[in-house]
């Protein structure tokens, strides 16, 4: 069974962006040391354009071969004219509003996101599935998430888009690795409690 990993950046108080989901204020924390961590440990989470700019086009996958993201996350790329932001992975976008995909490499999941993710998890393969955001889809998929990798930036927002757009429901995870960086970023890895 393949793992679904929610790899997400957030503020100290658990917000992944402002109310609209914009997280551009977090970009300054991606300094040389932190970027080296991403390149080495999670290179698939870098966009195809970012990988190209860093000379990582031919780097083989370490953790993921598939990405699932929400429409709002996908819209960030579309606004820049990029229709396949993770062309180095199999791309799925959960959307009830996109009638058809603007790119043949991107498959739209219009209904039953949970069933589709279960189908992806049941595939044979050594690499997992990268859940690339969307507070709402993270909330919808909470029971399918096997691992959380939370990149906490040293800022407090007070309000904004939460990591999980869901009602009150307790889900327990077990803390694994904790990795601090010189810029104040803290990366915590959790696995679902058995």
N, C-alpha and C. Protein backbone atom coordinates (compact mmCIF):
# COMPACT_ATOMS: atom_id res chain seq x y z
N UNK A 1 0.86 -1.19 0.00
CA UNK A 1 0.00 0.00 0.00
C UNK A 1 0.90 1.24 0.00
N UNK A 2 0.65 2.13 -0.96
CA UNK A 2 1.43 3.37 -1.04
C UNK A 2 0.93 4.39 -0.03
N UNK A 3 1.83 5.27 0.41
CA UNK A 3 1.47 6.28 1.41
C UNK A 3 1.01 7.57 0.75
N UNK A 4 0.03 8.21 1.41
CA UNK A 4 -0.36 9.58 1.07
C UNK A 4 0.28 10.48 2.10
N UNK A 5 1.13 11.41 1.64
CA UNK A 5 1.85 12.32 2.53
C UNK A 5 1.40 13.75 2.27
N UNK A 6 0.91 14.38 3.33
CA UNK A 6 0.56 15.81 3.25
C UNK A 6 1.82 16.58 3.62
N UNK A 7 2.48 17.12 2.60
CA UNK A 7 3.72 17.87 2.74
C UNK A 7 3.32 19.33 2.64
N UNK A 8 3.36 20.04 3.76
CA UNK A 8 2.72 21.35 3.82
C UNK A 8 3.56 22.36 4.60
N UNK A 9 3.49 23.60 4.18
CA UNK A 9 4.13 24.71 4.89
C UNK A 9 3.05 25.45 5.67
N UNK A 10 3.40 25.88 6.89
CA UNK A 10 2.42 26.60 7.68
C UNK A 10 3.12 27.56 8.64
N UNK A 11 2.30 28.43 9.23
CA UNK A 11 2.78 29.35 10.25
C UNK A 11 2.83 28.60 11.59
N UNK A 12 3.41 29.23 12.61
CA UNK A 12 3.44 28.63 13.94
C UNK A 12 2.04 28.30 14.43
N UNK A 13 1.07 29.15 14.08
CA UNK A 13 -0.30 28.92 14.54
C UNK A 13 -1.14 28.11 13.56
N UNK A 14 -0.49 27.39 12.63
CA UNK A 14 -1.17 26.39 11.83
C UNK A 14 -1.89 26.84 10.58
N UNK A 15 -1.55 28.02 10.05
CA UNK A 15 -2.20 28.49 8.82
C UNK A 15 -1.27 28.29 7.63
N UNK A 16 -1.84 27.85 6.50
CA UNK A 16 -1.04 27.59 5.30
C UNK A 16 -1.02 28.78 4.35
N UNK A 17 -1.74 29.82 4.71
CA UNK A 17 -1.78 31.03 3.91
C UNK A 17 -2.78 31.99 4.51
N UNK A 18 -2.94 33.13 3.85
CA UNK A 18 -3.96 34.07 4.33
C UNK A 18 -5.34 33.50 3.99
N UNK A 19 -6.38 34.27 4.21
CA UNK A 19 -7.74 33.76 3.99
C UNK A 19 -7.96 33.25 2.57
N UNK A 20 -7.25 33.84 1.60
CA UNK A 20 -7.40 33.41 0.21
C UNK A 20 -6.46 32.26 -0.14
N UNK A 21 -5.57 31.90 0.79
CA UNK A 21 -4.62 30.82 0.55
C UNK A 21 -3.26 31.30 0.08
N UNK A 22 -3.07 32.61 -0.11
CA UNK A 22 -1.79 33.14 -0.55
C UNK A 22 -0.74 32.92 0.55
N UNK A 23 0.38 32.32 0.17
CA UNK A 23 1.44 32.04 1.13
C UNK A 23 2.78 32.64 0.69
N UNK A 24 2.73 33.63 -0.16
CA UNK A 24 3.96 34.23 -0.70
C UNK A 24 4.87 34.78 0.39
N UNK A 25 4.31 35.17 1.51
CA UNK A 25 5.11 35.72 2.61
C UNK A 25 6.02 34.67 3.24
N UNK A 26 5.81 33.39 2.91
CA UNK A 26 6.68 32.32 3.44
C UNK A 26 7.92 32.11 2.58
N UNK A 27 7.90 32.57 1.33
CA UNK A 27 9.00 32.32 0.41
C UNK A 27 10.37 32.78 0.91
N UNK A 28 10.48 33.91 1.62
CA UNK A 28 11.81 34.33 2.08
C UNK A 28 12.51 33.33 3.00
N UNK A 29 11.77 32.39 3.57
CA UNK A 29 12.38 31.40 4.46
C UNK A 29 13.04 30.25 3.70
N UNK A 30 12.84 30.21 2.39
CA UNK A 30 13.49 29.17 1.59
C UNK A 30 14.89 29.69 1.24
N UNK A 31 15.76 29.65 2.25
CA UNK A 31 17.13 30.11 2.08
C UNK A 31 18.01 28.96 1.57
N UNK A 32 19.29 29.18 1.47
CA UNK A 32 20.22 28.19 0.90
C UNK A 32 20.19 26.86 1.65
N UNK A 33 20.23 26.91 2.98
CA UNK A 33 20.23 25.68 3.78
C UNK A 33 18.91 24.92 3.62
N UNK A 34 17.80 25.63 3.67
CA UNK A 34 16.50 24.98 3.56
C UNK A 34 16.27 24.45 2.15
N UNK A 35 16.69 25.19 1.15
CA UNK A 35 16.56 24.73 -0.23
C UNK A 35 17.39 23.46 -0.46
N UNK A 36 18.55 23.39 0.14
CA UNK A 36 19.38 22.19 0.02
C UNK A 36 18.66 20.98 0.61
N UNK A 37 17.98 21.17 1.74
CA UNK A 37 17.17 20.11 2.35
C UNK A 37 16.08 19.65 1.38
N UNK A 38 15.36 20.60 0.78
CA UNK A 38 14.30 20.25 -0.16
C UNK A 38 14.86 19.50 -1.37
N UNK A 39 15.97 19.98 -1.91
CA UNK A 39 16.58 19.34 -3.07
C UNK A 39 17.03 17.92 -2.76
N UNK A 40 17.56 17.72 -1.57
CA UNK A 40 18.10 16.43 -1.18
C UNK A 40 17.04 15.45 -0.71
N UNK A 41 16.11 15.92 0.11
CA UNK A 41 15.15 15.03 0.76
C UNK A 41 13.79 14.95 0.05
N UNK A 42 13.34 16.04 -0.53
CA UNK A 42 12.01 16.09 -1.14
C UNK A 42 12.04 16.79 -2.51
N UNK A 43 12.90 16.32 -3.42
CA UNK A 43 13.03 17.04 -4.70
C UNK A 43 11.77 17.04 -5.54
N UNK A 44 10.91 16.03 -5.37
CA UNK A 44 9.69 15.96 -6.17
C UNK A 44 8.71 17.07 -5.81
N UNK A 45 8.85 17.64 -4.61
CA UNK A 45 7.91 18.67 -4.18
C UNK A 45 8.24 20.03 -4.80
N UNK A 46 9.37 20.13 -5.45
CA UNK A 46 9.71 21.35 -6.19
C UNK A 46 9.02 21.29 -7.54
N UNK A 47 8.46 22.40 -7.96
CA UNK A 47 7.77 22.44 -9.25
C UNK A 47 8.74 22.09 -10.37
N UNK A 48 8.19 21.68 -11.49
CA UNK A 48 9.02 21.33 -12.65
C UNK A 48 9.88 22.52 -13.08
N UNK A 49 9.29 23.71 -13.07
CA UNK A 49 10.06 24.91 -13.41
C UNK A 49 11.17 25.17 -12.42
N UNK A 50 10.89 24.98 -11.14
CA UNK A 50 11.90 25.15 -10.10
C UNK A 50 13.02 24.14 -10.23
N UNK A 51 12.64 22.89 -10.51
CA UNK A 51 13.65 21.84 -10.70
C UNK A 51 14.56 22.18 -11.88
N UNK A 52 13.93 22.66 -12.95
CA UNK A 52 14.70 23.01 -14.16
C UNK A 52 15.68 24.14 -13.83
N UNK A 53 15.22 25.15 -13.12
CA UNK A 53 16.07 26.29 -12.77
C UNK A 53 17.24 25.87 -11.88
N UNK A 54 17.02 24.83 -11.07
CA UNK A 54 18.07 24.35 -10.16
C UNK A 54 18.93 23.25 -10.77
N UNK A 55 18.65 22.88 -12.01
CA UNK A 55 19.41 21.83 -12.68
C UNK A 55 19.08 20.44 -12.17
N UNK A 56 17.85 20.24 -11.72
CA UNK A 56 17.45 18.94 -11.15
C UNK A 56 16.50 18.16 -12.07
N UNK A 57 16.42 18.55 -13.32
CA UNK A 57 15.49 17.90 -14.26
C UNK A 57 15.59 16.39 -14.27
N UNK A 58 16.81 15.86 -14.23
CA UNK A 58 17.01 14.42 -14.37
C UNK A 58 17.11 13.69 -13.05
N UNK A 59 16.88 14.39 -11.95
CA UNK A 59 16.97 13.75 -10.64
C UNK A 59 15.84 12.74 -10.47
N UNK A 60 16.19 11.48 -10.15
CA UNK A 60 15.13 10.48 -9.99
C UNK A 60 14.30 10.74 -8.73
N UNK A 61 13.09 10.21 -8.72
CA UNK A 61 12.22 10.37 -7.56
C UNK A 61 12.76 9.67 -6.34
N UNK A 62 12.60 10.30 -5.19
CA UNK A 62 13.02 9.72 -3.92
C UNK A 62 11.83 9.22 -3.12
N UNK A 63 10.74 9.99 -3.13
CA UNK A 63 9.62 9.68 -2.25
C UNK A 63 8.28 9.57 -2.97
N UNK A 64 8.08 10.36 -4.04
CA UNK A 64 6.76 10.45 -4.67
C UNK A 64 6.85 10.25 -6.18
N UNK A 65 5.77 9.68 -6.75
CA UNK A 65 5.65 9.62 -8.20
C UNK A 65 4.31 10.21 -8.66
N UNK A 66 3.50 10.65 -7.69
CA UNK A 66 2.16 11.16 -7.96
C UNK A 66 1.91 12.38 -7.09
N UNK A 67 1.17 13.35 -7.61
CA UNK A 67 0.78 14.52 -6.83
C UNK A 67 -0.72 14.72 -6.96
N UNK A 68 -1.36 15.05 -5.84
CA UNK A 68 -2.77 15.41 -5.80
C UNK A 68 -2.85 16.80 -5.20
N UNK A 69 -3.54 17.70 -5.88
CA UNK A 69 -3.69 19.05 -5.35
C UNK A 69 -5.10 19.55 -5.61
N UNK A 70 -5.47 20.56 -4.86
CA UNK A 70 -6.78 21.17 -5.03
C UNK A 70 -6.77 22.19 -6.16
N UNK A 71 -7.96 22.58 -6.58
CA UNK A 71 -8.09 23.54 -7.67
C UNK A 71 -7.43 24.87 -7.33
N UNK A 72 -7.61 25.35 -6.09
CA UNK A 72 -7.04 26.65 -5.71
C UNK A 72 -5.51 26.61 -5.80
N UNK A 73 -4.90 25.51 -5.36
CA UNK A 73 -3.44 25.37 -5.48
C UNK A 73 -3.02 25.34 -6.94
N UNK A 74 -3.78 24.62 -7.74
CA UNK A 74 -3.50 24.51 -9.18
C UNK A 74 -3.65 25.87 -9.87
N UNK A 75 -4.60 26.66 -9.42
CA UNK A 75 -4.85 27.98 -10.02
C UNK A 75 -3.62 28.89 -9.93
N UNK A 76 -2.81 28.72 -8.88
CA UNK A 76 -1.60 29.53 -8.73
C UNK A 76 -0.72 29.36 -9.97
N UNK A 77 -0.55 28.12 -10.42
CA UNK A 77 0.25 27.85 -11.62
C UNK A 77 -0.47 28.34 -12.88
N UNK A 78 -1.77 28.07 -12.96
CA UNK A 78 -2.53 28.48 -14.15
C UNK A 78 -2.45 29.98 -14.39
N UNK A 79 -2.46 30.76 -13.31
CA UNK A 79 -2.37 32.22 -13.44
C UNK A 79 -1.04 32.64 -14.07
N UNK A 80 -0.03 31.78 -13.93
CA UNK A 80 1.29 32.05 -14.53
C UNK A 80 1.42 31.41 -15.91
N UNK A 81 0.33 30.81 -16.40
CA UNK A 81 0.37 30.17 -17.71
C UNK A 81 0.95 28.77 -17.69
N UNK A 82 1.09 28.19 -16.50
CA UNK A 82 1.67 26.85 -16.35
C UNK A 82 0.52 25.86 -16.15
N UNK A 83 0.35 24.96 -17.10
CA UNK A 83 -0.76 24.00 -17.02
C UNK A 83 -0.37 22.67 -16.41
N UNK A 84 0.93 22.41 -16.27
CA UNK A 84 1.42 21.17 -15.68
C UNK A 84 2.58 21.51 -14.73
N UNK A 85 2.25 22.00 -13.51
CA UNK A 85 3.30 22.45 -12.61
C UNK A 85 4.20 21.35 -12.06
N UNK A 86 3.73 20.11 -12.08
CA UNK A 86 4.52 18.98 -11.60
C UNK A 86 4.62 17.93 -12.70
N UNK A 87 5.11 18.34 -13.86
CA UNK A 87 5.18 17.45 -15.02
C UNK A 87 6.07 16.24 -14.78
N UNK A 88 6.93 16.30 -13.78
CA UNK A 88 7.81 15.17 -13.44
C UNK A 88 7.08 14.10 -12.62
N UNK A 89 5.81 14.36 -12.25
CA UNK A 89 4.98 13.42 -11.50
C UNK A 89 3.69 13.17 -12.27
N UNK A 90 2.94 12.14 -11.89
CA UNK A 90 1.57 12.00 -12.38
C UNK A 90 0.76 13.03 -11.62
N UNK A 91 0.01 13.84 -12.34
CA UNK A 91 -0.70 14.96 -11.72
C UNK A 91 -2.22 14.76 -11.71
N UNK A 92 -2.78 15.00 -10.52
CA UNK A 92 -4.23 14.98 -10.34
C UNK A 92 -4.65 16.27 -9.66
N UNK A 93 -5.75 16.84 -10.13
CA UNK A 93 -6.29 18.05 -9.52
C UNK A 93 -7.74 17.76 -9.13
N UNK A 94 -8.04 17.95 -7.84
CA UNK A 94 -9.41 17.77 -7.35
C UNK A 94 -10.18 19.05 -7.61
N UNK A 95 -11.20 18.96 -8.44
CA UNK A 95 -11.99 20.15 -8.77
C UNK A 95 -13.38 19.76 -9.24
N UNK A 96 -14.36 20.44 -8.69
CA UNK A 96 -15.73 20.26 -9.16
C UNK A 96 -16.10 21.36 -10.17
N UNK A 97 -15.19 22.32 -10.35
CA UNK A 97 -15.50 23.45 -11.23
C UNK A 97 -14.76 23.44 -12.56
N UNK A 98 -13.61 22.76 -12.63
CA UNK A 98 -12.90 22.67 -13.90
C UNK A 98 -13.57 21.59 -14.75
N UNK A 99 -14.17 21.98 -15.85
CA UNK A 99 -14.89 21.03 -16.69
C UNK A 99 -13.95 20.03 -17.35
N UNK A 100 -12.81 20.52 -17.80
CA UNK A 100 -11.82 19.64 -18.41
C UNK A 100 -10.43 20.16 -18.11
N UNK A 101 -9.48 19.27 -18.21
CA UNK A 101 -8.10 19.63 -17.91
C UNK A 101 -7.52 20.50 -19.01
N UNK A 102 -6.78 21.55 -18.63
CA UNK A 102 -6.12 22.38 -19.63
C UNK A 102 -4.83 21.74 -20.16
N UNK A 103 -4.49 20.55 -19.64
CA UNK A 103 -3.25 19.89 -20.02
C UNK A 103 -3.48 18.37 -20.06
N UNK A 104 -3.02 17.69 -21.11
CA UNK A 104 -3.24 16.24 -21.19
C UNK A 104 -2.53 15.46 -20.07
N UNK A 105 -1.53 16.07 -19.45
CA UNK A 105 -0.78 15.40 -18.37
C UNK A 105 -1.50 15.49 -17.02
N UNK A 106 -2.49 16.36 -16.92
CA UNK A 106 -3.19 16.61 -15.65
C UNK A 106 -4.59 16.00 -15.71
N UNK A 107 -4.87 15.10 -14.77
CA UNK A 107 -6.20 14.49 -14.71
C UNK A 107 -7.03 15.19 -13.64
N UNK A 108 -8.25 15.55 -14.00
CA UNK A 108 -9.16 16.20 -13.07
C UNK A 108 -9.96 15.13 -12.32
N UNK A 109 -10.02 15.25 -11.01
CA UNK A 109 -10.87 14.38 -10.18
C UNK A 109 -12.08 15.22 -9.82
N UNK A 110 -13.19 14.98 -10.50
CA UNK A 110 -14.39 15.80 -10.32
C UNK A 110 -15.32 15.25 -9.26
N UNK A 111 -15.24 13.95 -8.97
CA UNK A 111 -16.14 13.34 -7.99
C UNK A 111 -15.41 12.24 -7.23
N UNK A 112 -15.84 12.02 -6.02
CA UNK A 112 -15.32 10.96 -5.14
C UNK A 112 -13.79 10.95 -5.04
N UNK A 113 -13.26 12.04 -4.52
CA UNK A 113 -11.83 12.18 -4.31
C UNK A 113 -11.27 11.07 -3.44
N UNK A 114 -11.98 10.72 -2.38
CA UNK A 114 -11.51 9.68 -1.45
C UNK A 114 -11.34 8.35 -2.19
N UNK A 115 -12.31 7.97 -3.01
CA UNK A 115 -12.22 6.72 -3.76
C UNK A 115 -11.02 6.73 -4.71
N UNK A 116 -10.78 7.87 -5.38
CA UNK A 116 -9.65 7.96 -6.30
C UNK A 116 -8.33 7.83 -5.56
N UNK A 117 -8.22 8.48 -4.41
CA UNK A 117 -6.99 8.40 -3.62
C UNK A 117 -6.78 6.98 -3.11
N UNK A 118 -7.83 6.32 -2.69
CA UNK A 118 -7.70 4.92 -2.27
C UNK A 118 -7.21 4.05 -3.42
N UNK A 119 -7.71 4.32 -4.61
CA UNK A 119 -7.27 3.59 -5.81
C UNK A 119 -5.78 3.83 -6.06
N UNK A 120 -5.33 5.08 -5.94
CA UNK A 120 -3.92 5.40 -6.13
C UNK A 120 -3.05 4.75 -5.06
N UNK A 121 -3.53 4.74 -3.83
CA UNK A 121 -2.77 4.12 -2.74
C UNK A 121 -2.64 2.61 -2.92
N UNK A 122 -3.64 1.99 -3.54
CA UNK A 122 -3.65 0.54 -3.73
C UNK A 122 -2.75 0.07 -4.87
N UNK A 123 -2.26 1.00 -5.69
CA UNK A 123 -1.37 0.63 -6.79
C UNK A 123 -0.06 0.05 -6.26
N UNK A 124 0.56 -0.79 -7.06
CA UNK A 124 1.89 -1.28 -6.73
C UNK A 124 2.89 -0.17 -6.98
N UNK A 125 3.90 -0.11 -6.17
CA UNK A 125 4.95 0.87 -6.37
C UNK A 125 5.63 1.22 -5.07
N UNK A 126 6.88 1.62 -5.18
CA UNK A 126 7.67 1.96 -4.01
C UNK A 126 7.51 3.41 -3.59
N UNK A 127 7.11 4.26 -4.54
CA UNK A 127 7.00 5.69 -4.25
C UNK A 127 5.56 6.04 -3.87
N UNK A 128 5.42 7.10 -3.09
CA UNK A 128 4.12 7.49 -2.57
C UNK A 128 3.46 8.61 -3.33
N UNK A 129 2.46 9.18 -2.66
CA UNK A 129 1.61 10.22 -3.23
C UNK A 129 1.79 11.49 -2.41
N UNK A 130 2.07 12.57 -3.09
CA UNK A 130 2.29 13.88 -2.48
C UNK A 130 0.98 14.66 -2.50
N UNK A 131 0.44 14.94 -1.33
CA UNK A 131 -0.73 15.81 -1.22
C UNK A 131 -0.21 17.22 -1.12
N UNK A 132 -0.45 17.99 -2.17
CA UNK A 132 0.16 19.31 -2.35
C UNK A 132 -0.78 20.43 -1.98
N UNK A 133 -1.56 20.22 -1.04
CA UNK A 133 -2.30 21.38 -0.58
C UNK A 133 -3.68 21.53 -1.14
N UNK A 134 -4.20 22.40 -0.36
CA UNK A 134 -5.59 22.66 -0.40
C UNK A 134 -6.13 22.27 0.96
N UNK A 135 -6.49 23.27 1.72
CA UNK A 135 -7.07 23.05 3.04
C UNK A 135 -8.29 22.15 2.96
N UNK A 136 -9.12 22.40 1.97
CA UNK A 136 -10.36 21.62 1.85
C UNK A 136 -10.09 20.18 1.48
N UNK A 137 -9.19 19.94 0.51
CA UNK A 137 -8.96 18.54 0.15
C UNK A 137 -8.20 17.81 1.25
N UNK A 138 -7.35 18.52 1.99
CA UNK A 138 -6.68 17.88 3.13
C UNK A 138 -7.72 17.46 4.18
N UNK A 139 -8.72 18.32 4.39
CA UNK A 139 -9.79 17.97 5.30
C UNK A 139 -10.60 16.79 4.81
N UNK A 140 -10.88 16.77 3.51
CA UNK A 140 -11.65 15.68 2.93
C UNK A 140 -10.88 14.36 2.98
N UNK A 141 -9.54 14.45 2.89
CA UNK A 141 -8.70 13.25 2.86
C UNK A 141 -8.07 12.90 4.20
N UNK A 142 -8.46 13.56 5.28
CA UNK A 142 -7.80 13.36 6.57
C UNK A 142 -7.67 11.88 6.95
N UNK A 143 -8.69 11.09 6.69
CA UNK A 143 -8.63 9.67 7.07
C UNK A 143 -7.74 8.84 6.15
N UNK A 144 -7.33 9.40 5.02
CA UNK A 144 -6.46 8.69 4.08
C UNK A 144 -4.99 9.09 4.22
N UNK A 145 -4.72 10.16 4.97
CA UNK A 145 -3.35 10.66 5.12
C UNK A 145 -2.57 9.74 6.05
N UNK A 146 -1.46 9.22 5.53
CA UNK A 146 -0.61 8.30 6.29
C UNK A 146 0.54 9.01 6.98
N UNK A 147 0.94 10.15 6.43
CA UNK A 147 2.11 10.86 6.94
C UNK A 147 1.90 12.36 6.76
N UNK A 148 2.35 13.11 7.75
CA UNK A 148 2.37 14.57 7.69
C UNK A 148 3.82 15.03 7.73
N UNK A 149 4.21 15.88 6.82
CA UNK A 149 5.51 16.54 6.88
C UNK A 149 5.17 18.03 6.92
N UNK A 150 5.33 18.61 8.10
CA UNK A 150 4.91 19.99 8.34
C UNK A 150 6.13 20.88 8.44
N UNK A 151 6.23 21.80 7.49
CA UNK A 151 7.31 22.79 7.49
C UNK A 151 6.75 24.03 8.18
N UNK A 152 7.13 24.24 9.43
CA UNK A 152 6.61 25.37 10.20
C UNK A 152 7.56 26.54 10.09
N UNK A 153 7.03 27.66 9.58
CA UNK A 153 7.83 28.87 9.42
C UNK A 153 7.66 29.75 10.66
N UNK A 154 8.70 30.49 11.06
CA UNK A 154 8.67 31.25 12.31
C UNK A 154 7.86 32.54 12.23
N UNK A 155 6.58 32.39 11.89
CA UNK A 155 5.68 33.54 11.80
C UNK A 155 4.33 33.16 12.42
N UNK A 156 3.63 34.16 12.92
CA UNK A 156 2.27 33.98 13.44
C UNK A 156 1.35 34.84 12.60
N UNK A 157 0.28 34.24 12.09
CA UNK A 157 -0.65 34.97 11.24
C UNK A 157 -1.89 35.44 11.98
N UNK A 158 -2.31 34.70 12.99
CA UNK A 158 -3.50 35.08 13.73
C UNK A 158 -4.79 34.61 13.10
N UNK A 159 -4.82 34.60 11.79
CA UNK A 159 -5.97 34.11 11.04
C UNK A 159 -5.49 33.73 9.65
N UNK A 160 -6.31 32.97 8.95
CA UNK A 160 -5.93 32.56 7.61
C UNK A 160 -6.56 31.24 7.25
N UNK A 161 -5.95 30.57 6.28
CA UNK A 161 -6.44 29.27 5.82
C UNK A 161 -5.79 28.18 6.68
N UNK A 162 -6.60 27.37 7.38
CA UNK A 162 -6.03 26.33 8.24
C UNK A 162 -5.44 25.18 7.42
N UNK A 163 -4.60 24.38 8.06
CA UNK A 163 -4.01 23.22 7.39
C UNK A 163 -5.08 22.24 6.93
N UNK A 164 -6.13 22.10 7.73
CA UNK A 164 -7.23 21.18 7.41
C UNK A 164 -8.55 21.93 7.46
N UNK A 165 -9.23 21.99 6.33
CA UNK A 165 -10.55 22.58 6.28
C UNK A 165 -11.58 21.51 6.57
N UNK A 166 -11.82 21.27 7.84
CA UNK A 166 -12.72 20.20 8.25
C UNK A 166 -13.38 20.56 9.56
N UNK A 167 -14.42 19.86 9.89
CA UNK A 167 -15.05 20.05 11.19
C UNK A 167 -14.20 19.41 12.27
N UNK A 168 -14.65 19.48 13.50
CA UNK A 168 -13.90 18.93 14.62
C UNK A 168 -13.90 17.41 14.55
N UNK A 169 -12.71 16.84 14.46
CA UNK A 169 -12.55 15.40 14.39
C UNK A 169 -11.12 15.10 14.82
N UNK A 170 -10.96 14.30 15.85
CA UNK A 170 -9.62 14.01 16.38
C UNK A 170 -8.99 12.88 15.58
N UNK A 171 -7.82 13.14 15.02
CA UNK A 171 -7.02 12.13 14.33
C UNK A 171 -5.65 12.16 14.97
N UNK A 172 -5.18 11.02 15.43
CA UNK A 172 -3.88 10.98 16.13
C UNK A 172 -2.77 10.54 15.20
N UNK A 173 -1.64 11.22 15.36
CA UNK A 173 -0.42 10.90 14.62
C UNK A 173 0.72 10.78 15.62
N UNK A 174 1.77 10.06 15.24
CA UNK A 174 2.93 9.84 16.09
C UNK A 174 4.09 10.65 15.53
N UNK A 175 4.75 11.41 16.40
CA UNK A 175 5.89 12.22 15.99
C UNK A 175 7.07 11.35 15.63
N UNK A 176 7.67 11.63 14.49
CA UNK A 176 8.88 10.94 14.06
C UNK A 176 10.05 11.90 14.18
N UNK A 177 10.55 12.35 13.05
CA UNK A 177 11.72 13.23 13.01
C UNK A 177 11.33 14.69 13.21
N UNK A 178 12.21 15.43 13.91
CA UNK A 178 12.08 16.88 14.04
C UNK A 178 13.41 17.46 13.58
N UNK A 179 13.33 18.39 12.64
CA UNK A 179 14.56 18.95 12.08
C UNK A 179 14.49 20.48 12.08
N UNK A 180 15.32 21.13 12.91
CA UNK A 180 15.35 22.60 12.92
C UNK A 180 16.36 23.14 11.90
N UNK A 181 16.09 24.35 11.44
CA UNK A 181 16.99 25.03 10.51
C UNK A 181 17.40 26.37 11.09
N UNK A 182 18.53 26.88 10.63
CA UNK A 182 19.07 28.14 11.14
C UNK A 182 18.17 29.33 10.94
N UNK A 183 17.27 29.29 9.95
CA UNK A 183 16.38 30.41 9.68
C UNK A 183 15.12 30.38 10.53
N UNK A 184 15.03 29.42 11.46
CA UNK A 184 13.87 29.32 12.33
C UNK A 184 12.81 28.35 11.86
N UNK A 185 12.98 27.79 10.66
CA UNK A 185 12.03 26.80 10.16
C UNK A 185 12.22 25.49 10.91
N UNK A 186 11.11 24.82 11.18
CA UNK A 186 11.12 23.53 11.86
C UNK A 186 10.33 22.56 11.00
N UNK A 187 10.92 21.41 10.65
CA UNK A 187 10.23 20.40 9.87
C UNK A 187 9.96 19.21 10.78
N UNK A 188 8.67 18.91 10.93
CA UNK A 188 8.25 17.77 11.76
C UNK A 188 7.59 16.72 10.87
N UNK A 189 7.91 15.46 11.14
CA UNK A 189 7.31 14.37 10.40
C UNK A 189 6.50 13.52 11.37
N UNK A 190 5.27 13.25 10.99
CA UNK A 190 4.36 12.44 11.80
C UNK A 190 3.83 11.29 10.95
N UNK A 191 3.58 10.16 11.58
CA UNK A 191 2.89 9.07 10.89
C UNK A 191 1.59 8.79 11.63
N UNK A 192 0.62 8.28 10.91
CA UNK A 192 -0.68 7.99 11.50
C UNK A 192 -0.53 6.96 12.61
N UNK A 193 -1.18 7.22 13.74
CA UNK A 193 -1.13 6.30 14.87
C UNK A 193 -1.89 5.03 14.51
N UNK A 194 -1.24 3.86 14.68
CA UNK A 194 -1.91 2.60 14.31
C UNK A 194 -3.13 2.32 15.20
